[in-house]
Amino acid sequence: MSANRKYPSNFVQLIAAAVLFTVTSLPTGAQDNYPNHPVKIIVPTPPGGLADILARLVGEKLTAKWGQVFIVENRRGASGNIGAEAVARAAPDGYMLLVSPPPSLAINQSLFPKLSYDPGTFVPVTVIALVPNVLVVRPAVPASNVKELIALAKTQPGKFNYASTGNGGTPHLTAEQLKSMTGVRIVHIPYTGVPAALTDLMGGQVDMMFINLGDALPHIKSGKLKVLGVASDGRIATLPDVPAVSEALPGFVSVTWYGLVAPRKRRRRSPLGSRPRSPKQSGCPMSRRSSRIFPPRQSEVRRRKPHGFSSKRSRAGMT
C-alpha cells in the first residue's frame, strides 16, 4: 500500500521527515558490517494502519541507506501478542525487529493474565512517532463538539456505541477513559484493526471512535467523518479549528507512540537477580548504533525508565 495514496501529502511529509531524521542519524560502516543480509520488520497489526505505514517508511529509508532489503511483515492477532512473541523469540542479531503501538509493548502485560513473552526484555531502539488521538463520529450524529456529545449520550444511555481496533488498544482504553470521566454509557464494538473499524464507522454501523490522527485525517478532510476534538494537551496546527478534548474535560490526554524495538540476548539469571544491561550490551547491532547517537546521561540511567517500554503498569500509551 502506498502511503501517499492514503494520507494527505502534508501529513505524509511530516511523518517521512521524522523517519528520515531517525534513519539518517544512524551511523554507517559499523565494525560488524550490519546488515549483511535482509532484515525483517514485524508489525503486529493488520495492513493499512499507521503502524504499517510507518514500518514501510522506515524500511524504505533503511534499505536506501544501508543497501540491504528491509522487509515488512504483518503478524496480527491477540492484540499484538502474536507478532511481539515472534520477535521476542528471534535471534538477538538485529535481523528481526518490531514496530508497534503501545499494546504489545506496554499495555497487554496489564490486561492478560499471562503472556508468552516478556515485554521488558525488548531493547528500545527509538520512538518513531508520537501521534495524538482524535474523537471522530459519523456525520449523522447530532453533536458538533465534545460537550454536546456527552450531553447527548447522557440523555440516551446505552444507545450509542464506539468502535475500537481491538480489546486493550489505545482507542479502546481512551474511550473507556471518556466513560470514566463523564459517566456516559456507550457500548464497545471491537474490530480486528483500523481499516475494518473505519469502514463501519463511515458506513454508519457504529457511532464514534477514538483513533490516531494519521488514520483519521484523510476521512476528516473528505467529510466522511466529523471530528469533535483532539486528545493532545492543546490544539494542533494540522486541525487548528478543532478544540482539544481537554477544553471540555481538563486533563484528558491520549497520544499514541510507535516504537522500534529488537529482541535482547537471552541469558541465565542469577538467583540474586541482576541489573538490566544497557542497549549497548544487549547484543543487537541496531541498538548499539542508536545508543552511540543518543548516549544516556548517567543521571537518566539512574532515575528514569525508558518511557512506555519498561513500565509494568503503563497507562494505555497515554502520554
C-alpha atoms as a PDB file:
ATOM      1  CA  MET A   1       0.000   0.000   0.000  1.00  0.00           C
ATOM      2  CA  SER A   2       1.309   3.417  -0.849  1.00  0.00           C
ATOM      3  CA  ALA A   3       1.376   5.898   1.997  1.00  0.00           C
ATOM      4  CA  ASN A   4       0.909   8.770  -0.433  1.00  0.00           C
ATOM      5  CA  ARG A   5      -2.324   7.315  -1.776  1.00  0.00           C
ATOM      6  CA  LYS A   6      -3.885   7.044   1.645  1.00  0.00           C
ATOM      7  CA  TYR A   7      -2.681  10.113   3.527  1.00  0.00           C
ATOM      8  CA  PRO A   8      -2.771  13.816   2.677  1.00  0.00           C
ATOM      9  CA  SER A   9       0.598  14.919   1.321  1.00  0.00           C
ATOM     10  CA  ASN A  10       1.375  17.327   4.158  1.00  0.00           C
ATOM     11  CA  PHE A  11       0.880  14.640   6.816  1.00  0.00           C
ATOM     12  CA  VAL A  12       2.994  12.132   4.880  1.00  0.00           C
ATOM     13  CA  GLN A  13       5.758  14.710   4.548  1.00  0.00           C
ATOM     14  CA  LEU A  14       5.784  15.325   8.298  1.00  0.00           C
ATOM     15  CA  ILE A  15       5.949  11.619   9.127  1.00  0.00           C
ATOM     16  CA  ALA A  16       8.528  10.936   6.415  1.00  0.00           C
ATOM     17  CA  ALA A  17      10.675  13.786   7.727  1.00  0.00           C
ATOM     18  CA  ALA A  18      10.599  12.297  11.221  1.00  0.00           C
ATOM     19  CA  VAL A  19      11.506   8.867   9.870  1.00  0.00           C
ATOM     20  CA  LEU A  20      14.273  10.310   7.709  1.00  0.00           C
ATOM     21  CA  PHE A  21      15.718  12.144  10.725  1.00  0.00           C
ATOM     22  CA  THR A  22      15.776   8.904  12.718  1.00  0.00           C
ATOM     23  CA  VAL A  23      17.374   6.929   9.907  1.00  0.00           C
ATOM     24  CA  THR A  24      19.958   9.491   8.828  1.00  0.00           C
ATOM     25  CA  SER A  25      21.022   9.943  12.450  1.00  0.00           C
ATOM     26  CA  LEU A  26      22.275   6.354  12.475  1.00  0.00           C
ATOM     27  CA  PRO A  27      25.939   5.908  11.513  1.00  0.00           C
ATOM     28  CA  THR A  28      27.231   3.735   8.691  1.00  0.00           C
ATOM     29  CA  GLY A  29      30.225   1.450   8.485  1.00  0.00           C
ATOM     30  CA  ALA A  30      29.815  -0.442  11.761  1.00  0.00           C
ATOM     31  CA  GLN A  31      32.602  -2.904  12.505  1.00  0.00           C
ATOM     32  CA  ASP A  32      30.260  -5.888  12.344  1.00  0.00           C
ATOM     33  CA  ASN A  33      29.111  -4.818   8.849  1.00  0.00           C
ATOM     34  CA  TYR A  34      25.444  -4.861   9.892  1.00  0.00           C
ATOM     35  CA  PRO A  35      23.290  -5.506   7.975  1.00  0.00           C
ATOM     36  CA  ASN A  36      24.827  -8.023   5.582  1.00  0.00           C
ATOM     37  CA  HIS A  37      21.563  -9.742   4.609  1.00  0.00           C
ATOM     38  CA  PRO A  38      17.841  -8.788   4.541  1.00  0.00           C
ATOM     39  CA  VAL A  39      16.170  -7.576   7.745  1.00  0.00           C
ATOM     40  CA  LYS A  40      12.568  -8.341   8.660  1.00  0.00           C
ATOM     41  CA  ILE A  41      10.360  -5.746  10.398  1.00  0.00           C
ATOM     42  CA  ILE A  42       7.344  -7.290  12.129  1.00  0.00           C
ATOM     43  CA  VAL A  43       4.176  -5.224  12.538  1.00  0.00           C
ATOM     44  CA  PRO A  44       1.688  -6.845  14.963  1.00  0.00           C
ATOM     45  CA  THR A  45      -1.333  -5.095  13.416  1.00  0.00           C
ATOM     46  CA  PRO A  46      -3.214  -5.518  10.111  1.00  0.00           C
ATOM     47  CA  PRO A  47      -2.032  -3.805   6.920  1.00  0.00           C
ATOM     48  CA  GLY A  48      -3.317  -0.307   6.263  1.00  0.00           C
ATOM     49  CA  GLY A  49      -2.951   1.260   9.706  1.00  0.00           C
ATOM     50  CA  LEU A  50      -0.403   3.878  10.704  1.00  0.00           C
ATOM     51  CA  ALA A  51       1.911   1.311  12.329  1.00  0.00           C
ATOM     52  CA  ASP A  52       2.086  -0.484   8.977  1.00  0.00           C
ATOM     53  CA  ILE A  53       2.702   2.772   7.062  1.00  0.00           C
ATOM     54  CA  LEU A  54       5.446   3.872   9.470  1.00  0.00           C
ATOM     55  CA  ALA A  55       7.175   0.493   9.289  1.00  0.00           C
ATOM     56  CA  ARG A  56       7.207   0.666   5.489  1.00  0.00           C
ATOM     57  CA  LEU A  57       8.581   4.204   5.518  1.00  0.00           C
ATOM     58  CA  VAL A  58      11.328   3.115   7.917  1.00  0.00           C
ATOM     59  CA  GLY A  59      12.044   0.056   5.771  1.00  0.00           C
ATOM     60  CA  GLU A  60      12.310   2.132   2.602  1.00  0.00           C
ATOM     61  CA  LYS A  61      14.705   4.636   4.176  1.00  0.00           C
ATOM     62  CA  LEU A  62      16.885   1.961   5.780  1.00  0.00           C
ATOM     63  CA  THR A  63      17.020   0.000   2.523  1.00  0.00           C
ATOM     64  CA  ALA A  64      18.191   3.115   0.699  1.00  0.00           C
ATOM     65  CA  LYS A  65      20.716   3.985   3.414  1.00  0.00           C
ATOM     66  CA  TRP A  66      22.305   0.589   4.053  1.00  0.00           C
ATOM     67  CA  GLY A  67      21.813  -1.223   0.740  1.00  0.00           C
ATOM     68  CA  GLN A  68      20.006  -4.212   2.276  1.00  0.00           C
ATOM     69  CA  VAL A  69      16.326  -5.007   1.933  1.00  0.00           C
ATOM     70  CA  PHE A  70      14.125  -4.335   4.985  1.00  0.00           C
ATOM     71  CA  ILE A  71      11.000  -6.490   4.608  1.00  0.00           C
ATOM     72  CA  VAL A  72       7.787  -5.563   6.438  1.00  0.00           C
ATOM     73  CA  GLU A  73       5.614  -8.466   7.559  1.00  0.00           C
ATOM     74  CA  ASN A  74       2.233  -8.116   9.289  1.00  0.00           C
ATOM     75  CA  ARG A  75       1.628 -10.720  12.002  1.00  0.00           C
ATOM     76  CA  ARG A  76      -1.613  -9.655  13.595  1.00  0.00           C
ATOM     77  CA  GLY A  77      -3.681 -11.302  16.272  1.00  0.00           C
ATOM     78  CA  ALA A  78      -4.177 -11.498  20.053  1.00  0.00           C
ATOM     79  CA  SER A  79      -3.995  -7.714  20.477  1.00  0.00           C
ATOM     80  CA  GLY A  80      -0.494  -7.655  19.015  1.00  0.00           C
ATOM     81  CA  ASN A  81       0.878 -10.524  21.087  1.00  0.00           C
ATOM     82  CA  ILE A  82       1.485 -12.878  18.145  1.00  0.00           C
ATOM     83  CA  GLY A  83       3.837 -10.526  16.326  1.00  0.00           C
ATOM     84  CA  ALA A  84       5.578  -9.435  19.513  1.00  0.00           C
ATOM     85  CA  GLU A  85       6.174 -13.040  20.578  1.00  0.00           C
ATOM     86  CA  ALA A  86       7.770 -13.836  17.209  1.00  0.00           C
ATOM     87  CA  VAL A  87      10.284 -11.018  17.654  1.00  0.00           C
ATOM     88  CA  ALA A  88      10.907 -11.812  21.327  1.00  0.00           C
ATOM     89  CA  ARG A  89      11.880 -15.379  20.351  1.00  0.00           C
ATOM     90  CA  ALA A  90      14.077 -14.285  17.429  1.00  0.00           C
ATOM     91  CA  ALA A  91      17.861 -14.330  17.497  1.00  0.00           C
ATOM     92  CA  PRO A  92      19.225 -11.105  19.051  1.00  0.00           C
ATOM     93  CA  ASP A  93      21.200 -10.198  15.946  1.00  0.00           C
ATOM     94  CA  GLY A  94      19.170  -7.241  14.649  1.00  0.00           C
ATOM     95  CA  TYR A  95      17.692  -9.137  11.699  1.00  0.00           C
ATOM     96  CA  MET A  96      14.164  -9.230  13.110  1.00  0.00           C
ATOM     97  CA  LEU A  97      12.717  -6.006  14.517  1.00  0.00           C
ATOM     98  CA  LEU A  98       9.303  -4.925  15.807  1.00  0.00           C
ATOM     99  CA  VAL A  99       7.422  -1.712  15.026  1.00  0.00           C
ATOM    100  CA  SER A 100       4.451  -1.442  17.349  1.00  0.00           C
ATOM    101  CA  PRO A 101       1.987   0.886  19.074  1.00  0.00           C
ATOM    102  CA  PRO A 102       1.627   0.583  22.871  1.00  0.00           C
ATOM    103  CA  PRO A 103      -0.434  -2.630  23.375  1.00  0.00           C
ATOM    104  CA  SER A 104       2.173  -5.342  22.785  1.00  0.00           C
ATOM    105  CA  LEU A 105       4.956  -3.326  24.411  1.00  0.00           C
ATOM    106  CA  ALA A 106       3.307  -1.680  27.416  1.00  0.00           C
ATOM    107  CA  ILE A 107      -0.414  -2.431  27.823  1.00  0.00           C
ATOM    108  CA  ASN A 108      -1.052  -6.142  27.343  1.00  0.00           C
ATOM    109  CA  GLN A 109       1.048  -7.185  30.317  1.00  0.00           C
ATOM    110  CA  SER A 110      -1.554  -5.444  32.499  1.00  0.00           C
ATOM    111  CA  LEU A 111      -4.591  -6.884  30.669  1.00  0.00           C
ATOM    112  CA  PHE A 112      -3.646 -10.513  30.050  1.00  0.00           C
ATOM    113  CA  PRO A 113      -3.138 -12.913  32.975  1.00  0.00           C
ATOM    114  CA  LYS A 114      -0.079 -14.369  31.239  1.00  0.00           C
ATOM    115  CA  LEU A 115       1.926 -13.503  28.129  1.00  0.00           C
ATOM    116  CA  SER A 116       4.142 -15.888  26.171  1.00  0.00           C
ATOM    117  CA  TYR A 117       6.860 -13.238  26.073  1.00  0.00           C
ATOM    118  CA  ASP A 118       8.237 -10.589  28.422  1.00  0.00           C
ATOM    119  CA  PRO A 119       7.792  -7.045  27.029  1.00  0.00           C
ATOM    120  CA  GLY A 120      10.505  -5.836  29.383  1.00  0.00           C
ATOM    121  CA  THR A 121      13.155  -7.835  27.546  1.00  0.00           C
ATOM    122  CA  PHE A 122      12.891  -5.865  24.302  1.00  0.00           C
ATOM    123  CA  VAL A 123      15.708  -3.466  23.507  1.00  0.00           C
ATOM    124  CA  PRO A 124      14.282   0.004  22.714  1.00  0.00           C
ATOM    125  CA  VAL A 125      15.848   1.364  19.516  1.00  0.00           C
ATOM    126  CA  THR A 126      13.790   4.528  19.001  1.00  0.00           C
ATOM    127  CA  VAL A 127      10.328   6.045  19.150  1.00  0.00           C
ATOM    128  CA  ILE A 128       9.358   6.612  15.512  1.00  0.00           C
ATOM    129  CA  ALA A 129       6.361   8.879  16.058  1.00  0.00           C
ATOM    130  CA  LEU A 130       4.019  10.369  18.651  1.00  0.00           C
ATOM    131  CA  VAL A 131       0.549  10.921  17.203  1.00  0.00           C
ATOM    132  CA  PRO A 132      -2.431  12.408  19.094  1.00  0.00           C
ATOM    133  CA  ASN A 133      -5.718  10.566  19.063  1.00  0.00           C
ATOM    134  CA  VAL A 134      -8.866  12.301  17.862  1.00  0.00           C
ATOM    135  CA  LEU A 135     -12.540  11.786  18.648  1.00  0.00           C
ATOM    136  CA  VAL A 136     -14.489  11.260  15.429  1.00  0.00           C
ATOM    137  CA  VAL A 137     -18.164  10.468  14.824  1.00  0.00           C
ATOM    138  CA  ARG A 138     -20.218   9.545  11.798  1.00  0.00           C
ATOM    139  CA  PRO A 139     -21.607  12.737  10.225  1.00  0.00           C
ATOM    140  CA  ALA A 140     -25.217  11.957  11.177  1.00  0.00           C
ATOM    141  CA  VAL A 141     -24.501  12.104  14.924  1.00  0.00           C
ATOM    142  CA  PRO A 142     -26.181  15.357  16.101  1.00  0.00           C
ATOM    143  CA  ALA A 143     -23.227  16.750  18.039  1.00  0.00           C
ATOM    144  CA  SER A 144     -20.638  19.310  16.947  1.00  0.00           C
ATOM    145  CA  ASN A 145     -18.321  19.213  19.956  1.00  0.00           C
ATOM    146  CA  VAL A 146     -17.353  17.042  22.918  1.00  0.00           C
ATOM    147  CA  LYS A 147     -19.756  18.698  25.377  1.00  0.00           C
ATOM    148  CA  GLU A 148     -22.714  18.173  23.041  1.00  0.00           C
ATOM    149  CA  LEU A 149     -21.769  14.527  22.517  1.00  0.00           C
ATOM    150  CA  ILE A 150     -21.551  13.907  26.261  1.00  0.00           C
ATOM    151  CA  ALA A 151     -24.920  15.562  26.836  1.00  0.00           C
ATOM    152  CA  LEU A 152     -26.464  13.535  24.008  1.00  0.00           C
ATOM    153  CA  ALA A 153     -25.086  10.252  25.330  1.00  0.00           C
ATOM    154  CA  LYS A 154     -26.337  11.006  28.842  1.00  0.00           C
ATOM    155  CA  THR A 155     -29.893  11.573  27.637  1.00  0.00           C
ATOM    156  CA  GLN A 156     -29.880   8.192  25.848  1.00  0.00           C
ATOM    157  CA  PRO A 157     -27.700   5.837  27.911  1.00  0.00           C
ATOM    158  CA  GLY A 158     -26.648   2.690  26.075  1.00  0.00           C
ATOM    159  CA  LYS A 159     -27.933   3.846  22.684  1.00  0.00           C
ATOM    160  CA  PHE A 160     -24.618   4.991  21.231  1.00  0.00           C
ATOM    161  CA  ASN A 161     -21.621   2.780  20.570  1.00  0.00           C
ATOM    162  CA  TYR A 162     -17.961   3.217  19.746  1.00  0.00           C
ATOM    163  CA  ALA A 163     -15.515   1.263  17.615  1.00  0.00           C
ATOM    164  CA  SER A 164     -12.009   0.223  18.580  1.00  0.00           C
ATOM    165  CA  THR A 165      -9.143  -1.625  16.935  1.00  0.00           C
ATOM    166  CA  GLY A 166      -9.433  -4.423  19.493  1.00  0.00           C
ATOM    167  CA  ASN A 167      -9.540  -5.006  23.223  1.00  0.00           C
ATOM    168  CA  GLY A 168      -6.757  -3.244  25.092  1.00  0.00           C
ATOM    169  CA  GLY A 169      -5.709  -0.921  22.275  1.00  0.00           C
ATOM    170  CA  THR A 170      -5.334   2.813  22.749  1.00  0.00           C
ATOM    171  CA  PRO A 171      -8.695   3.556  21.004  1.00  0.00           C
ATOM    172  CA  HIS A 172     -10.459   1.187  23.412  1.00  0.00           C
ATOM    173  CA  LEU A 173      -8.831   2.498  26.582  1.00  0.00           C
ATOM    174  CA  THR A 174      -9.204   6.130  25.544  1.00  0.00           C
ATOM    175  CA  ALA A 175     -12.955   5.643  25.108  1.00  0.00           C
ATOM    176  CA  GLU A 176     -13.081   3.936  28.494  1.00  0.00           C
ATOM    177  CA  GLN A 177     -11.298   6.951  29.936  1.00  0.00           C
ATOM    178  CA  LEU A 178     -14.052   9.138  28.474  1.00  0.00           C
ATOM    179  CA  LYS A 179     -16.680   6.916  30.102  1.00  0.00           C
ATOM    180  CA  SER A 180     -14.865   7.023  33.429  1.00  0.00           C
ATOM    181  CA  MET A 181     -14.510  10.803  33.459  1.00  0.00           C
ATOM    182  CA  THR A 182     -18.063  11.595  32.316  1.00  0.00           C
ATOM    183  CA  GLY A 183     -20.245   8.681  33.421  1.00  0.00           C
ATOM    184  CA  VAL A 184     -21.697   8.168  29.939  1.00  0.00           C
ATOM    185  CA  ARG A 185     -22.844   4.682  28.899  1.00  0.00           C
ATOM    186  CA  ILE A 186     -21.659   3.821  25.387  1.00  0.00           C
ATOM    187  CA  VAL A 187     -21.223   0.301  24.028  1.00  0.00           C
ATOM    188  CA  HIS A 188     -17.854  -1.050  22.918  1.00  0.00           C
ATOM    189  CA  ILE A 189     -17.659  -2.671  19.462  1.00  0.00           C
ATOM    190  CA  PRO A 190     -14.146  -4.153  18.964  1.00  0.00           C
ATOM    191  CA  TYR A 191     -12.723  -4.723  15.480  1.00  0.00           C
ATOM    192  CA  THR A 192      -9.611  -6.515  14.245  1.00  0.00           C
ATOM    193  CA  GLY A 193      -7.790  -3.405  13.084  1.00  0.00           C
ATOM    194  CA  VAL A 194      -8.046   0.141  11.798  1.00  0.00           C
ATOM    195  CA  PRO A 195      -9.459  -0.479   8.271  1.00  0.00           C
ATOM    196  CA  ALA A 196     -12.406  -2.601   9.469  1.00  0.00           C
ATOM    197  CA  ALA A 197     -13.296  -0.154  12.249  1.00  0.00           C
ATOM    198  CA  LEU A 198     -13.141   2.875   9.977  1.00  0.00           C
ATOM    199  CA  THR A 199     -15.173   1.158   7.267  1.00  0.00           C
ATOM    200  CA  ASP A 200     -18.079   0.509   9.643  1.00  0.00           C
ATOM    201  CA  LEU A 201     -17.798   3.950  11.233  1.00  0.00           C
ATOM    202  CA  MET A 202     -18.048   5.682   7.862  1.00  0.00           C
ATOM    203  CA  GLY A 203     -20.795   3.270   6.841  1.00  0.00           C
ATOM    204  CA  GLY A 204     -22.921   4.184   9.865  1.00  0.00           C
ATOM    205  CA  GLN A 205     -22.721   0.820  11.654  1.00  0.00           C
ATOM    206  CA  VAL A 206     -21.057   2.466  14.669  1.00  0.00           C
ATOM    207  CA  ASP A 207     -21.340   5.982  16.033  1.00  0.00           C
ATOM    208  CA  MET A 208     -17.925   7.154  17.201  1.00  0.00           C
ATOM    209  CA  MET A 209     -14.292   6.267  17.738  1.00  0.00           C
ATOM    210  CA  PHE A 210     -11.045   7.492  19.216  1.00  0.00           C
ATOM    211  CA  ILE A 211      -8.304   6.919  16.662  1.00  0.00           C
ATOM    212  CA  ASN A 212      -4.899   8.363  15.905  1.00  0.00           C
ATOM    213  CA  LEU A 213      -4.796  11.448  13.739  1.00  0.00           C
ATOM    214  CA  GLY A 214      -2.859   9.746  10.946  1.00  0.00           C
ATOM    215  CA  ASP A 215      -5.549   7.157  10.285  1.00  0.00           C
ATOM    216  CA  ALA A 216      -8.447   9.603  10.637  1.00  0.00           C
ATOM    217  CA  LEU A 217      -7.140  12.672   8.822  1.00  0.00           C
ATOM    218  CA  PRO A 218      -7.922  11.702   5.200  1.00  0.00           C
ATOM    219  CA  HIS A 219     -11.510  10.848   6.131  1.00  0.00           C
ATOM    220  CA  ILE A 220     -11.896  14.063   8.114  1.00  0.00           C
ATOM    221  CA  LYS A 221     -10.659  16.061   5.121  1.00  0.00           C
ATOM    222  CA  SER A 222     -13.056  14.237   2.782  1.00  0.00           C
ATOM    223  CA  GLY A 223     -16.041  14.849   5.060  1.00  0.00           C
ATOM    224  CA  LYS A 224     -16.696  11.165   5.679  1.00  0.00           C
ATOM    225  CA  LEU A 225     -16.016  11.637   9.391  1.00  0.00           C
ATOM    226  CA  LYS A 226     -16.744  14.521  11.743  1.00  0.00           C
ATOM    227  CA  VAL A 227     -14.034  15.371  14.268  1.00  0.00           C
ATOM    228  CA  LEU A 228     -15.124  16.677  17.657  1.00  0.00           C
ATOM    229  CA  GLY A 229     -11.823  17.003  19.472  1.00  0.00           C
ATOM    230  CA  VAL A 230      -8.122  16.196  19.561  1.00  0.00           C
ATOM    231  CA  ALA A 231      -6.765  14.366  22.592  1.00  0.00           C
ATOM    232  CA  SER A 232      -3.441  16.205  22.741  1.00  0.00           C
ATOM    233  CA  ASP A 233      -2.743  18.647  25.558  1.00  0.00           C
ATOM    234  CA  GLY A 234      -3.807  21.542  23.308  1.00  0.00           C
ATOM    235  CA  ARG A 235      -4.933  22.373  19.788  1.00  0.00           C
ATOM    236  CA  ILE A 236      -2.727  21.262  16.921  1.00  0.00           C
ATOM    237  CA  ALA A 237      -1.586  23.016  13.748  1.00  0.00           C
ATOM    238  CA  THR A 238      -2.978  20.296  11.480  1.00  0.00           C
ATOM    239  CA  LEU A 239      -6.541  20.969  12.740  1.00  0.00           C
ATOM    240  CA  PRO A 240      -6.321  24.467  14.245  1.00  0.00           C
ATOM    241  CA  ASP A 241     -10.090  24.983  14.481  1.00  0.00           C
ATOM    242  CA  VAL A 242     -10.737  21.718  16.321  1.00  0.00           C
ATOM    243  CA  PRO A 243     -10.741  22.100  20.112  1.00  0.00           C
ATOM    244  CA  ALA A 244      -8.755  19.840  22.397  1.00  0.00           C
ATOM    245  CA  VAL A 245     -10.856  17.352  24.348  1.00  0.00           C
ATOM    246  CA  SER A 246      -9.193  18.755  27.465  1.00  0.00           C
ATOM    247  CA  GLU A 247     -11.025  22.047  26.898  1.00  0.00           C
ATOM    248  CA  ALA A 248     -14.206  20.184  27.855  1.00  0.00           C
ATOM    249  CA  LEU A 249     -12.550  17.599  30.119  1.00  0.00           C
ATOM    250  CA  PRO A 250      -9.453  19.040  31.817  1.00  0.00           C
ATOM    251  CA  GLY A 251      -6.626  16.524  31.994  1.00  0.00           C
ATOM    252  CA  PHE A 252      -7.900  14.330  29.147  1.00  0.00           C
ATOM    253  CA  VAL A 253      -4.857  13.458  27.000  1.00  0.00           C
ATOM    254  CA  SER A 254      -4.263  10.414  24.792  1.00  0.00           C
ATOM    255  CA  VAL A 255      -1.278  10.147  22.457  1.00  0.00           C
ATOM    256  CA  THR A 256      -0.196   7.002  20.629  1.00  0.00           C
ATOM    257  CA  TRP A 257       3.511   6.312  20.252  1.00  0.00           C
ATOM    258  CA  TYR A 258       5.080   3.886  17.793  1.00  0.00           C
ATOM    259  CA  GLY A 259       8.247   2.180  18.934  1.00  0.00           C
ATOM    260  CA  LEU A 260      11.003   0.300  17.113  1.00  0.00           C
ATOM    261  CA  VAL A 261      12.461  -2.460  19.298  1.00  0.00           C
ATOM    262  CA  ALA A 262      14.691  -5.516  18.968  1.00  0.00           C
ATOM    263  CA  PRO A 263      14.989  -8.798  20.876  1.00  0.00           C
ATOM    264  CA  ARG A 264      17.506  -8.930  23.696  1.00  0.00           C
ATOM    265  CA  LYS A 265      20.118 -11.625  24.051  1.00  0.00           C
ATOM    266  CA  ARG A 266      18.804 -14.275  26.423  1.00  0.00           C
ATOM    267  CA  ARG A 267      20.988 -15.258  29.340  1.00  0.00           C
ATOM    268  CA  ARG A 268      20.780 -17.208  32.557  1.00  0.00           C
ATOM    269  CA  ARG A 269      19.602 -15.221  35.538  1.00  0.00           C
ATOM    270  CA  SER A 270      21.489 -15.154  38.793  1.00  0.00           C
ATOM    271  CA  PRO A 271      19.446 -16.340  41.796  1.00  0.00           C
ATOM    272  CA  LEU A 272      20.206 -12.958  43.346  1.00  0.00           C
ATOM    273  CA  GLY A 273      18.994 -11.104  40.268  1.00  0.00           C
ATOM    274  CA  SER A 274      20.965  -8.611  38.231  1.00  0.00           C
ATOM    275  CA  ARG A 275      20.631  -5.136  36.815  1.00  0.00           C
ATOM    276  CA  PRO A 276      19.369  -4.903  33.226  1.00  0.00           C
ATOM    277  CA  ARG A 277      22.045  -4.338  30.627  1.00  0.00           C
ATOM    278  CA  SER A 278      22.216  -1.233  28.508  1.00  0.00           C
ATOM    279  CA  PRO A 279      21.257  -1.428  24.812  1.00  0.00           C
ATOM    280  CA  LYS A 280      24.979  -1.317  24.016  1.00  0.00           C
ATOM    281  CA  GLN A 281      25.434  -4.602  25.919  1.00  0.00           C
ATOM    282  CA  SER A 282      22.284  -6.255  24.586  1.00  0.00           C
ATOM    283  CA  GLY A 283      23.757  -7.986  21.550  1.00  0.00           C
ATOM    284  CA  CYS A 284      21.673  -6.050  18.979  1.00  0.00           C
ATOM    285  CA  PRO A 285      23.781  -4.079  16.469  1.00  0.00           C
ATOM    286  CA  MET A 286      20.837  -1.792  15.641  1.00  0.00           C
ATOM    287  CA  SER A 287      20.550  -0.736  19.293  1.00  0.00           C
ATOM    288  CA  ARG A 288      24.318  -0.188  19.538  1.00  0.00           C
ATOM    289  CA  ARG A 289      24.121   2.213  16.608  1.00  0.00           C
ATOM    290  CA  SER A 290      21.253   4.103  18.222  1.00  0.00           C
ATOM    291  CA  SER A 291      22.992   4.329  21.607  1.00  0.00           C
ATOM    292  CA  ARG A 292      26.088   5.869  20.041  1.00  0.00           C
ATOM    293  CA  ILE A 293      23.977   8.675  18.608  1.00  0.00           C
ATOM    294  CA  PHE A 294      21.929   9.374  21.736  1.00  0.00           C
ATOM    295  CA  PRO A 295      24.005   8.182  24.737  1.00  0.00           C
ATOM    296  CA  PRO A 296      22.008   8.483  28.005  1.00  0.00           C
ATOM    297  CA  ARG A 297      23.273  10.699  30.774  1.00  0.00           C
ATOM    298  CA  GLN A 298      24.220   8.851  33.950  1.00  0.00           C
ATOM    299  CA  SER A 299      21.517  10.668  35.901  1.00  0.00           C
ATOM    300  CA  GLU A 300      18.914   9.443  33.399  1.00  0.00           C
ATOM    301  CA  VAL A 301      20.146   5.875  33.686  1.00  0.00           C
ATOM    302  CA  ARG A 302      19.789   6.011  37.438  1.00  0.00           C
ATOM    303  CA  ARG A 303      16.480   7.815  37.684  1.00  0.00           C
ATOM    304  CA  ARG A 304      14.459   7.141  34.560  1.00  0.00           C
ATOM    305  CA  LYS A 305      12.902   4.132  32.886  1.00  0.00           C
ATOM    306  CA  PRO A 306      12.514   4.006  29.083  1.00  0.00           C
ATOM    307  CA  HIS A 307       9.130   5.669  28.657  1.00  0.00           C
ATOM    308  CA  GLY A 308       6.407   3.160  27.870  1.00  0.00           C
ATOM    309  CA  PHE A 309       8.677   0.175  27.177  1.00  0.00           C
ATOM    310  CA  SER A 310       9.518  -0.950  30.710  1.00  0.00           C
ATOM    311  CA  SER A 311       6.700   0.239  32.942  1.00  0.00           C
ATOM    312  CA  LYS A 312       4.748  -2.637  34.414  1.00  0.00           C
ATOM    313  CA  ARG A 313       1.606  -0.549  34.787  1.00  0.00           C
ATOM    314  CA  SER A 314       1.683   1.784  31.783  1.00  0.00           C
ATOM    315  CA  ARG A 315      -1.380   3.892  31.022  1.00  0.00           C
ATOM    316  CA  ALA A 316      -2.576   2.786  27.566  1.00  0.00           C
ATOM    317  CA  GLY A 317       0.034   4.701  25.668  1.00  0.00           C
ATOM    318  CA  MET A 318      -1.383   7.956  27.014  1.00  0.00           C
ATOM    319  CA  THR A 319       1.478  10.353  27.467  1.00  0.00           C
END
